Amino acid sequence: MYGLGIFHPAMTEAYVIADATAVLARAKAGDLTAFEQVYRAYEVPVYNLARRICRTVEDAEDVLQETFFEVCRSINQYRGDGSLWGWIRTIAASKALMRLRRNKYRDTDEFEEDLHRAPRSDNGLRMDLEAALERLPETSRAVVWLHDVEGYTHEEIAGMMGKTVSFSKSQLARAHTRLRRWLGEEPVQ
């Protein structure tokens, strides 16, 4: 359905709407065709962002819907100070993180369980990055994606997650350690 390729902020130029000012003006006036243009321009990057943060396809699809419902509801609040994609991306990230909280994922419990698991016998197995990211607990994966790919600062991530900056930094450091180990770049101890 949707590609799960890596989406990077530098790629946003591919998602720019032709004559964005006119489309936004029409959308703010309630023109459904204009809303559809906005949706079509940004549905793939929003879905990809949601899929990176959420564990399931269903959750990512829900986040996609919730994001564009919020975009339609709040389009008049968009002042044009930053890029439209930046505004939509912030809404999508917030909706995905709210979905994690609503699903009551407990990354700290999963992290403790992972520390006590016996090492795998197939130490020579090298996972690709997709599989390694998928193995991370939801919060850790969200922090990695928001920081390393989307370019959010630890302060912004902490604010979105309702946590401290040190929480964001520690989640990122732990996740990087795990990823390096799983990708065979760091010996298992």
N, C-alpha and C. Protein backbone atom coordinates (compact mmCIF):
# COMPACT_ATOMS: atom_id res chain seq x y z
N MET A 1 0.83 -1.19 0.00
CA MET A 1 0.00 0.00 0.00
C MET A 1 0.87 1.25 0.00
N TYR A 2 1.59 1.51 1.08
CA TYR A 2 2.47 2.66 1.18
C TYR A 2 3.90 2.16 1.22
N GLY A 3 4.81 2.89 0.58
CA GLY A 3 6.21 2.52 0.65
C GLY A 3 6.76 2.82 2.02
N LEU A 4 7.69 2.00 2.45
CA LEU A 4 8.30 2.22 3.75
C LEU A 4 9.73 2.69 3.59
N GLY A 5 10.03 3.33 2.47
CA GLY A 5 11.38 3.84 2.25
C GLY A 5 11.71 4.94 3.23
N ILE A 6 12.97 5.15 3.43
CA ILE A 6 13.41 6.19 4.34
C ILE A 6 12.99 7.54 3.79
N PHE A 7 12.36 8.35 4.60
CA PHE A 7 11.93 9.69 4.22
C PHE A 7 12.78 10.66 5.02
N HIS A 8 13.40 11.56 4.38
CA HIS A 8 14.29 12.50 5.04
C HIS A 8 13.81 13.92 4.76
N PRO A 9 13.98 14.84 5.73
CA PRO A 9 13.51 16.21 5.52
C PRO A 9 13.98 16.84 4.21
N ALA A 10 15.16 16.50 3.76
CA ALA A 10 15.66 17.08 2.51
C ALA A 10 14.82 16.67 1.32
N MET A 11 14.06 15.58 1.47
CA MET A 11 13.23 15.08 0.38
C MET A 11 11.90 15.82 0.29
N THR A 12 11.61 16.72 1.23
CA THR A 12 10.31 17.38 1.25
C THR A 12 10.04 18.17 -0.02
N GLU A 13 11.08 18.57 -0.72
CA GLU A 13 10.87 19.33 -1.95
C GLU A 13 10.03 18.54 -2.94
N ALA A 14 10.11 17.22 -2.89
CA ALA A 14 9.32 16.38 -3.80
C ALA A 14 7.84 16.43 -3.44
N TYR A 15 7.51 16.94 -2.25
CA TYR A 15 6.13 16.95 -1.80
C TYR A 15 5.53 18.35 -1.75
N VAL A 16 6.17 19.28 -2.42
CA VAL A 16 5.67 20.65 -2.45
C VAL A 16 4.47 20.72 -3.40
N ILE A 17 3.47 21.46 -2.98
CA ILE A 17 2.26 21.62 -3.78
C ILE A 17 2.48 22.76 -4.77
N ALA A 18 2.14 22.50 -6.03
CA ALA A 18 2.20 23.57 -7.03
C ALA A 18 1.19 24.65 -6.64
N ASP A 19 1.61 25.91 -6.69
CA ASP A 19 0.77 27.04 -6.33
C ASP A 19 0.18 26.88 -4.92
N ALA A 20 1.07 26.57 -3.98
CA ALA A 20 0.67 26.28 -2.60
C ALA A 20 -0.12 27.41 -1.96
N THR A 21 0.22 28.65 -2.24
CA THR A 21 -0.47 29.79 -1.64
C THR A 21 -1.95 29.78 -2.02
N ALA A 22 -2.23 29.55 -3.28
CA ALA A 22 -3.63 29.52 -3.74
C ALA A 22 -4.37 28.31 -3.17
N VAL A 23 -3.70 27.16 -3.14
CA VAL A 23 -4.32 25.95 -2.60
C VAL A 23 -4.64 26.15 -1.12
N LEU A 24 -3.70 26.73 -0.37
CA LEU A 24 -3.94 26.98 1.05
C LEU A 24 -5.09 27.97 1.26
N ALA A 25 -5.15 28.99 0.47
CA ALA A 25 -6.24 29.97 0.59
C ALA A 25 -7.58 29.29 0.33
N ARG A 26 -7.63 28.44 -0.68
CA ARG A 26 -8.87 27.71 -0.98
C ARG A 26 -9.21 26.74 0.14
N ALA A 27 -8.20 26.06 0.68
CA ALA A 27 -8.43 25.11 1.78
C ALA A 27 -8.97 25.85 3.01
N LYS A 28 -8.39 27.00 3.30
CA LYS A 28 -8.86 27.80 4.44
C LYS A 28 -10.29 28.27 4.24
N ALA A 29 -10.70 28.41 2.98
CA ALA A 29 -12.08 28.81 2.67
C ALA A 29 -13.02 27.61 2.66
N GLY A 30 -12.48 26.40 2.89
CA GLY A 30 -13.31 25.21 2.96
C GLY A 30 -13.44 24.42 1.67
N ASP A 31 -12.62 24.72 0.68
CA ASP A 31 -12.66 24.03 -0.61
C ASP A 31 -12.14 22.60 -0.44
N LEU A 32 -13.02 21.61 -0.63
CA LEU A 32 -12.64 20.21 -0.44
C LEU A 32 -11.60 19.73 -1.46
N THR A 33 -11.63 20.27 -2.65
CA THR A 33 -10.63 19.90 -3.66
C THR A 33 -9.24 20.35 -3.21
N ALA A 34 -9.16 21.51 -2.58
CA ALA A 34 -7.88 21.99 -2.08
C ALA A 34 -7.39 21.11 -0.94
N PHE A 35 -8.30 20.70 -0.05
CA PHE A 35 -7.92 19.78 1.03
C PHE A 35 -7.40 18.47 0.45
N GLU A 36 -8.04 18.00 -0.61
CA GLU A 36 -7.58 16.76 -1.24
C GLU A 36 -6.18 16.92 -1.82
N GLN A 37 -5.89 18.09 -2.40
CA GLN A 37 -4.55 18.34 -2.93
C GLN A 37 -3.51 18.29 -1.82
N VAL A 38 -3.83 18.88 -0.69
CA VAL A 38 -2.92 18.85 0.46
C VAL A 38 -2.73 17.40 0.92
N TYR A 39 -3.83 16.68 1.03
CA TYR A 39 -3.76 15.27 1.45
C TYR A 39 -2.90 14.46 0.49
N ARG A 40 -3.17 14.57 -0.79
CA ARG A 40 -2.42 13.79 -1.78
C ARG A 40 -0.92 14.14 -1.79
N ALA A 41 -0.61 15.39 -1.52
CA ALA A 41 0.80 15.81 -1.52
C ALA A 41 1.56 15.25 -0.33
N TYR A 42 0.87 15.06 0.80
CA TYR A 42 1.58 14.70 2.03
C TYR A 42 1.18 13.37 2.65
N GLU A 43 0.28 12.61 2.05
CA GLU A 43 -0.16 11.36 2.66
C GLU A 43 0.98 10.35 2.80
N VAL A 44 1.84 10.23 1.81
CA VAL A 44 2.93 9.24 1.88
C VAL A 44 3.95 9.60 2.96
N PRO A 45 4.46 10.84 3.02
CA PRO A 45 5.40 11.13 4.09
C PRO A 45 4.77 11.06 5.49
N VAL A 46 3.50 11.42 5.62
CA VAL A 46 2.83 11.31 6.92
C VAL A 46 2.71 9.84 7.31
N TYR A 47 2.28 9.01 6.37
CA TYR A 47 2.17 7.58 6.66
C TYR A 47 3.53 6.99 7.03
N ASN A 48 4.57 7.34 6.28
CA ASN A 48 5.90 6.82 6.56
C ASN A 48 6.38 7.23 7.95
N LEU A 49 6.13 8.48 8.32
CA LEU A 49 6.50 8.94 9.66
C LEU A 49 5.72 8.16 10.71
N ALA A 50 4.43 8.01 10.51
CA ALA A 50 3.60 7.27 11.47
C ALA A 50 4.03 5.81 11.56
N ARG A 51 4.35 5.22 10.44
CA ARG A 51 4.75 3.81 10.42
C ARG A 51 6.07 3.61 11.16
N ARG A 52 6.96 4.59 11.09
CA ARG A 52 8.23 4.49 11.80
C ARG A 52 8.05 4.59 13.30
N ILE A 53 7.06 5.33 13.73
CA ILE A 53 6.86 5.51 15.16
C ILE A 53 5.94 4.43 15.73
N CYS A 54 4.90 4.08 15.01
CA CYS A 54 3.92 3.10 15.49
C CYS A 54 4.34 1.68 15.13
N ARG A 55 3.91 0.74 15.91
CA ARG A 55 4.29 -0.65 15.70
C ARG A 55 3.51 -1.30 14.55
N THR A 56 2.25 -0.94 14.39
CA THR A 56 1.43 -1.66 13.41
C THR A 56 1.00 -0.78 12.25
N VAL A 57 0.68 -1.43 11.16
CA VAL A 57 0.15 -0.74 9.98
C VAL A 57 -1.17 -0.07 10.33
N GLU A 58 -2.00 -0.75 11.12
CA GLU A 58 -3.29 -0.20 11.51
C GLU A 58 -3.13 1.10 12.30
N ASP A 59 -2.18 1.12 13.23
CA ASP A 59 -1.93 2.34 14.00
C ASP A 59 -1.45 3.46 13.08
N ALA A 60 -0.57 3.13 12.15
CA ALA A 60 -0.06 4.15 11.21
C ALA A 60 -1.19 4.70 10.34
N GLU A 61 -2.08 3.83 9.90
CA GLU A 61 -3.22 4.29 9.09
C GLU A 61 -4.14 5.18 9.92
N ASP A 62 -4.34 4.82 11.20
CA ASP A 62 -5.15 5.66 12.08
C ASP A 62 -4.49 7.02 12.28
N VAL A 63 -3.18 7.03 12.48
CA VAL A 63 -2.45 8.29 12.65
C VAL A 63 -2.58 9.14 11.39
N LEU A 64 -2.49 8.52 10.22
CA LEU A 64 -2.67 9.24 8.95
C LEU A 64 -4.03 9.93 8.94
N GLN A 65 -5.07 9.20 9.28
CA GLN A 65 -6.42 9.77 9.29
C GLN A 65 -6.55 10.88 10.33
N GLU A 66 -6.04 10.61 11.54
CA GLU A 66 -6.13 11.61 12.61
C GLU A 66 -5.36 12.88 12.25
N THR A 67 -4.22 12.70 11.60
CA THR A 67 -3.41 13.86 11.20
C THR A 67 -4.17 14.74 10.23
N PHE A 68 -4.74 14.14 9.20
CA PHE A 68 -5.42 14.97 8.20
C PHE A 68 -6.77 15.48 8.70
N PHE A 69 -7.38 14.79 9.64
CA PHE A 69 -8.56 15.35 10.28
C PHE A 69 -8.16 16.62 11.02
N GLU A 70 -7.04 16.56 11.75
CA GLU A 70 -6.54 17.74 12.48
C GLU A 70 -6.12 18.85 11.51
N VAL A 71 -5.49 18.48 10.40
CA VAL A 71 -5.09 19.48 9.40
C VAL A 71 -6.33 20.20 8.89
N CYS A 72 -7.37 19.46 8.55
CA CYS A 72 -8.61 20.08 8.06
C CYS A 72 -9.25 20.96 9.14
N ARG A 73 -9.26 20.46 10.36
CA ARG A 73 -9.88 21.19 11.46
C ARG A 73 -9.11 22.46 11.81
N SER A 74 -7.78 22.41 11.66
CA SER A 74 -6.93 23.51 12.13
C SER A 74 -6.26 24.32 11.02
N ILE A 75 -6.65 24.13 9.78
CA ILE A 75 -5.96 24.78 8.66
C ILE A 75 -5.92 26.31 8.82
N ASN A 76 -6.93 26.87 9.45
CA ASN A 76 -6.94 28.32 9.64
C ASN A 76 -5.91 28.79 10.66
N GLN A 77 -5.39 27.87 11.47
CA GLN A 77 -4.37 28.22 12.46
C GLN A 77 -2.97 28.22 11.84
N TYR A 78 -2.83 27.63 10.66
CA TYR A 78 -1.53 27.64 9.98
C TYR A 78 -1.27 29.05 9.48
N ARG A 79 -0.19 29.66 10.01
CA ARG A 79 0.11 31.06 9.70
C ARG A 79 1.11 31.20 8.56
N GLY A 80 1.71 30.11 8.13
CA GLY A 80 2.69 30.19 7.05
C GLY A 80 4.07 30.60 7.51
N ASP A 81 4.32 30.57 8.84
CA ASP A 81 5.64 30.94 9.36
C ASP A 81 6.72 29.97 8.91
N GLY A 82 6.39 28.70 8.83
CA GLY A 82 7.32 27.68 8.36
C GLY A 82 6.70 26.97 7.18
N SER A 83 7.33 25.89 6.79
CA SER A 83 6.80 25.14 5.65
C SER A 83 5.51 24.41 6.05
N LEU A 84 4.66 24.20 5.08
CA LEU A 84 3.43 23.45 5.32
C LEU A 84 3.78 22.05 5.78
N TRP A 85 4.77 21.43 5.14
CA TRP A 85 5.18 20.09 5.55
C TRP A 85 5.65 20.08 7.01
N GLY A 86 6.37 21.09 7.43
CA GLY A 86 6.82 21.16 8.82
C GLY A 86 5.65 21.20 9.79
N TRP A 87 4.61 21.95 9.45
CA TRP A 87 3.42 22.04 10.28
C TRP A 87 2.69 20.70 10.31
N ILE A 88 2.51 20.09 9.14
CA ILE A 88 1.82 18.80 9.07
C ILE A 88 2.65 17.72 9.76
N ARG A 89 3.96 17.75 9.59
CA ARG A 89 4.86 16.78 10.21
C ARG A 89 4.76 16.85 11.74
N THR A 90 4.68 18.04 12.28
CA THR A 90 4.54 18.21 13.73
C THR A 90 3.23 17.60 14.22
N ILE A 91 2.16 17.82 13.49
CA ILE A 91 0.86 17.23 13.85
C ILE A 91 0.96 15.71 13.79
N ALA A 92 1.56 15.18 12.72
CA ALA A 92 1.67 13.72 12.56
C ALA A 92 2.50 13.10 13.68
N ALA A 93 3.62 13.72 14.00
CA ALA A 93 4.47 13.19 15.07
C ALA A 93 3.72 13.20 16.39
N SER A 94 3.01 14.27 16.65
CA SER A 94 2.22 14.37 17.88
C SER A 94 1.14 13.30 17.94
N LYS A 95 0.45 13.09 16.84
CA LYS A 95 -0.61 12.07 16.80
C LYS A 95 -0.02 10.67 16.98
N ALA A 96 1.14 10.41 16.38
CA ALA A 96 1.77 9.09 16.53
C ALA A 96 2.21 8.86 17.97
N LEU A 97 2.77 9.88 18.59
CA LEU A 97 3.19 9.74 19.99
C LEU A 97 1.99 9.59 20.91
N MET A 98 0.90 10.28 20.61
CA MET A 98 -0.32 10.10 21.40
C MET A 98 -0.85 8.68 21.25
N ARG A 99 -0.72 8.12 20.07
CA ARG A 99 -1.15 6.74 19.84
C ARG A 99 -0.32 5.79 20.70
N LEU A 100 0.98 6.03 20.79
CA LEU A 100 1.83 5.19 21.65
C LEU A 100 1.37 5.27 23.10
N ARG A 101 1.10 6.47 23.57
CA ARG A 101 0.64 6.63 24.96
C ARG A 101 -0.71 5.95 25.15
N ARG A 102 -1.58 6.10 24.20
CA ARG A 102 -2.92 5.50 24.30
C ARG A 102 -2.83 3.98 24.32
N ASN A 103 -1.90 3.43 23.59
CA ASN A 103 -1.73 1.97 23.57
C ASN A 103 -0.99 1.46 24.79
N LYS A 104 -0.52 2.40 25.62
CA LYS A 104 0.15 2.08 26.88
C LYS A 104 1.35 1.17 26.71
N TYR A 105 2.17 1.46 25.70
CA TYR A 105 3.40 0.73 25.53
C TYR A 105 4.34 1.08 26.67
N ARG A 106 5.02 0.11 27.18
CA ARG A 106 5.95 0.31 28.29
C ARG A 106 7.35 -0.09 27.86
N ASP A 107 8.06 0.86 27.29
CA ASP A 107 9.39 0.57 26.78
C ASP A 107 10.37 0.19 27.88
N THR A 108 10.21 0.76 29.06
CA THR A 108 11.17 0.43 30.11
C THR A 108 11.05 -1.03 30.49
N ASP A 109 9.83 -1.57 30.54
CA ASP A 109 9.66 -2.99 30.82
C ASP A 109 10.29 -3.83 29.73
N GLU A 110 10.06 -3.45 28.46
CA GLU A 110 10.63 -4.19 27.35
C GLU A 110 12.15 -4.13 27.38
N PHE A 111 12.70 -2.96 27.75
CA PHE A 111 14.15 -2.81 27.81
C PHE A 111 14.73 -3.73 28.87
N GLU A 112 14.09 -3.80 30.03
CA GLU A 112 14.57 -4.69 31.10
C GLU A 112 14.49 -6.15 30.65
N GLU A 113 13.40 -6.54 30.00
CA GLU A 113 13.27 -7.91 29.50
C GLU A 113 14.39 -8.22 28.51
N ASP A 114 14.70 -7.27 27.64
CA ASP A 114 15.72 -7.48 26.63
C ASP A 114 17.10 -7.66 27.26
N LEU A 115 17.36 -6.96 28.36
CA LEU A 115 18.66 -7.08 29.02
C LEU A 115 18.86 -8.47 29.62
N HIS A 116 17.77 -9.10 30.01
CA HIS A 116 17.87 -10.40 30.68
C HIS A 116 17.72 -11.58 29.73
N ARG A 117 17.46 -11.35 28.46
CA ARG A 117 17.35 -12.44 27.50
C ARG A 117 18.71 -13.04 27.23
N ALA A 118 18.70 -14.33 26.98
CA ALA A 118 19.95 -15.01 26.62
C ALA A 118 20.39 -14.53 25.25
N PRO A 119 21.70 -14.41 25.02
CA PRO A 119 22.16 -13.99 23.70
C PRO A 119 21.76 -15.00 22.64
N ARG A 120 21.51 -14.52 21.45
CA ARG A 120 21.13 -15.40 20.34
C ARG A 120 22.31 -16.24 19.91
N SER A 121 22.02 -17.46 19.51
CA SER A 121 23.09 -18.36 19.09
C SER A 121 23.62 -18.02 17.71
N ASP A 122 22.86 -17.28 16.93
CA ASP A 122 23.29 -16.94 15.57
C ASP A 122 23.94 -15.56 15.57
N ASN A 123 25.05 -15.44 16.31
CA ASN A 123 25.74 -14.15 16.42
C ASN A 123 26.19 -13.60 15.08
N GLY A 124 26.38 -14.48 14.10
CA GLY A 124 26.84 -14.03 12.79
C GLY A 124 25.74 -13.35 11.98
N LEU A 125 24.50 -13.45 12.45
CA LEU A 125 23.39 -12.86 11.71
C LEU A 125 23.49 -11.34 11.71
N ARG A 126 23.45 -10.77 10.53
CA ARG A 126 23.48 -9.31 10.40
C ARG A 126 22.11 -8.87 9.92
N MET A 127 21.46 -8.10 10.73
CA MET A 127 20.13 -7.62 10.38
C MET A 127 20.24 -6.37 9.52
N ASP A 128 19.29 -6.17 8.68
CA ASP A 128 19.28 -4.89 7.97
C ASP A 128 18.67 -3.83 8.88
N LEU A 129 18.84 -2.61 8.53
CA LEU A 129 18.39 -1.50 9.38
C LEU A 129 16.88 -1.54 9.61
N GLU A 130 16.11 -1.89 8.59
CA GLU A 130 14.66 -1.95 8.75
C GLU A 130 14.27 -2.90 9.87
N ALA A 131 14.83 -4.11 9.83
CA ALA A 131 14.50 -5.11 10.84
C ALA A 131 14.99 -4.67 12.22
N ALA A 132 16.16 -4.06 12.27
CA ALA A 132 16.70 -3.60 13.55
C ALA A 132 15.81 -2.51 14.14
N LEU A 133 15.39 -1.55 13.32
CA LEU A 133 14.49 -0.51 13.81
C LEU A 133 13.17 -1.10 14.31
N GLU A 134 12.69 -2.09 13.61
CA GLU A 134 11.43 -2.73 13.99
C GLU A 134 11.53 -3.42 15.35
N ARG A 135 12.71 -3.89 15.71
CA ARG A 135 12.92 -4.56 16.99
C ARG A 135 12.95 -3.61 18.17
N LEU A 136 13.24 -2.34 17.92
CA LEU A 136 13.31 -1.38 19.02
C LEU A 136 11.95 -1.20 19.67
N PRO A 137 11.92 -0.95 20.97
CA PRO A 137 10.66 -0.57 21.61
C PRO A 137 10.12 0.70 20.97
N GLU A 138 8.81 0.90 21.06
CA GLU A 138 8.16 1.99 20.35
C GLU A 138 8.75 3.37 20.69
N THR A 139 8.95 3.64 21.97
CA THR A 139 9.46 4.96 22.34
C THR A 139 10.86 5.17 21.81
N SER A 140 11.70 4.16 21.92
CA SER A 140 13.07 4.27 21.41
C SER A 140 13.07 4.50 19.91
N ARG A 141 12.24 3.73 19.21
CA ARG A 141 12.16 3.87 17.75
C ARG A 141 11.65 5.26 17.38
N ALA A 142 10.68 5.76 18.13
CA ALA A 142 10.15 7.10 17.86
C ALA A 142 11.23 8.15 18.05
N VAL A 143 12.01 8.04 19.12
CA VAL A 143 13.08 9.02 19.36
C VAL A 143 14.13 8.94 18.26
N VAL A 144 14.53 7.73 17.87
CA VAL A 144 15.52 7.58 16.79
C VAL A 144 14.99 8.23 15.52
N TRP A 145 13.77 7.92 15.17
CA TRP A 145 13.22 8.43 13.92
C TRP A 145 13.09 9.96 13.96
N LEU A 146 12.53 10.47 15.05
CA LEU A 146 12.32 11.92 15.14
C LEU A 146 13.65 12.67 15.15
N HIS A 147 14.65 12.13 15.85
CA HIS A 147 15.94 12.82 15.96
C HIS A 147 16.81 12.61 14.72
N ASP A 148 17.05 11.35 14.37
CA ASP A 148 18.03 11.04 13.33
C ASP A 148 17.51 11.26 11.91
N VAL A 149 16.23 11.07 11.71
CA VAL A 149 15.68 11.17 10.35
C VAL A 149 14.92 12.48 10.15
N GLU A 150 14.02 12.79 11.07
CA GLU A 150 13.20 13.99 10.91
C GLU A 150 13.93 15.25 11.33
N GLY A 151 14.98 15.12 12.12
CA GLY A 151 15.79 16.27 12.49
C GLY A 151 15.31 17.07 13.68
N TYR A 152 14.41 16.51 14.48
CA TYR A 152 13.97 17.21 15.68
C TYR A 152 15.10 17.23 16.71
N THR A 153 15.14 18.27 17.52
CA THR A 153 16.13 18.37 18.60
C THR A 153 15.62 17.57 19.81
N HIS A 154 16.51 17.31 20.74
CA HIS A 154 16.09 16.61 21.96
C HIS A 154 15.07 17.44 22.73
N GLU A 155 15.21 18.75 22.69
CA GLU A 155 14.26 19.63 23.37
C GLU A 155 12.87 19.49 22.74
N GLU A 156 12.81 19.46 21.42
CA GLU A 156 11.52 19.32 20.73
C GLU A 156 10.90 17.95 21.00
N ILE A 157 11.72 16.91 20.97
CA ILE A 157 11.23 15.55 21.23
C ILE A 157 10.70 15.46 22.65
N ALA A 158 11.46 15.99 23.60
CA ALA A 158 11.03 15.97 25.01
C ALA A 158 9.68 16.67 25.16
N GLY A 159 9.53 17.81 24.51
CA GLY A 159 8.27 18.53 24.57
C GLY A 159 7.11 17.74 23.98
N MET A 160 7.34 17.10 22.83
CA MET A 160 6.28 16.32 22.19
C MET A 160 5.89 15.12 23.04
N MET A 161 6.87 14.52 23.72
CA MET A 161 6.61 13.30 24.48
C MET A 161 6.24 13.57 25.93
N GLY A 162 6.34 14.82 26.34
CA GLY A 162 6.05 15.14 27.73
C GLY A 162 7.11 14.58 28.68
N LYS A 163 8.33 14.50 28.21
CA LYS A 163 9.45 13.94 28.98
C LYS A 163 10.54 14.99 29.09
N THR A 164 11.65 14.60 29.73
CA THR A 164 12.78 15.50 29.87
C THR A 164 13.74 15.34 28.68
N VAL A 165 14.60 16.32 28.52
CA VAL A 165 15.62 16.26 27.48
C VAL A 165 16.54 15.07 27.74
N SER A 166 16.88 14.82 29.00
CA SER A 166 17.76 13.68 29.31
C SER A 166 17.09 12.35 28.96
N PHE A 167 15.76 12.27 29.08
CA PHE A 167 15.05 11.06 28.67
C PHE A 167 15.25 10.83 27.17
N SER A 168 15.08 11.88 26.39
CA SER A 168 15.26 11.76 24.94
C SER A 168 16.68 11.33 24.60
N LYS A 169 17.64 11.97 25.23
CA LYS A 169 19.05 11.64 24.97
C LYS A 169 19.37 10.21 25.37
N SER A 170 18.88 9.77 26.52
CA SER A 170 19.19 8.40 26.96
C SER A 170 18.50 7.37 26.07
N GLN A 171 17.27 7.65 25.64
CA GLN A 171 16.58 6.72 24.72
C GLN A 171 17.37 6.59 23.42
N LEU A 172 17.87 7.73 22.91
CA LEU A 172 18.63 7.71 21.66
C LEU A 172 19.93 6.94 21.84
N ALA A 173 20.63 7.19 22.94
CA ALA A 173 21.91 6.50 23.17
C ALA A 173 21.71 5.00 23.31
N ARG A 174 20.70 4.59 24.07
CA ARG A 174 20.42 3.15 24.22
C ARG A 174 20.04 2.52 22.89
N ALA A 175 19.20 3.23 22.13
CA ALA A 175 18.77 2.70 20.84
C ALA A 175 19.95 2.58 19.89
N HIS A 176 20.83 3.57 19.85
CA HIS A 176 22.01 3.49 18.99
C HIS A 176 22.89 2.32 19.38
N THR A 177 23.06 2.09 20.68
CA THR A 177 23.86 0.95 21.15
C THR A 177 23.25 -0.36 20.68
N ARG A 178 21.95 -0.49 20.85
CA ARG A 178 21.27 -1.71 20.40
C ARG A 178 21.40 -1.89 18.89
N LEU A 179 21.16 -0.84 18.14
CA LEU A 179 21.22 -0.93 16.68
C LEU A 179 22.61 -1.34 16.22
N ARG A 180 23.65 -0.74 16.82
CA ARG A 180 25.02 -1.11 16.44
C ARG A 180 25.28 -2.59 16.75
N ARG A 181 24.81 -3.04 17.90
CA ARG A 181 25.00 -4.45 18.28
C ARG A 181 24.24 -5.36 17.31
N TRP A 182 22.99 -5.03 17.03
CA TRP A 182 22.18 -5.87 16.14
C TRP A 182 22.69 -5.87 14.71
N LEU A 183 23.30 -4.79 14.32
CA LEU A 183 23.83 -4.69 12.96
C LEU A 183 25.26 -5.21 12.87
N GLY A 184 25.75 -5.75 13.96
CA GLY A 184 27.06 -6.38 13.96
C GLY A 184 28.22 -5.40 14.01
N GLU A 185 27.94 -4.16 14.39
CA GLU A 185 29.00 -3.16 14.45
C GLU A 185 29.63 -3.06 15.83
N GLU A 186 29.04 -3.77 16.80
CA GLU A 186 29.55 -3.72 18.16
C GLU A 186 29.46 -5.15 18.71
N PRO A 187 30.50 -5.64 19.38
CA PRO A 187 30.47 -7.00 19.90
C PRO A 187 29.42 -7.15 21.01
N VAL A 188 28.81 -8.33 21.08
CA VAL A 188 27.86 -8.65 22.14
C VAL A 188 28.66 -8.97 23.38
N GLN A 189 28.29 -8.39 24.51
CA GLN A 189 29.04 -8.61 25.76
C GLN A 189 28.29 -9.50 26.70
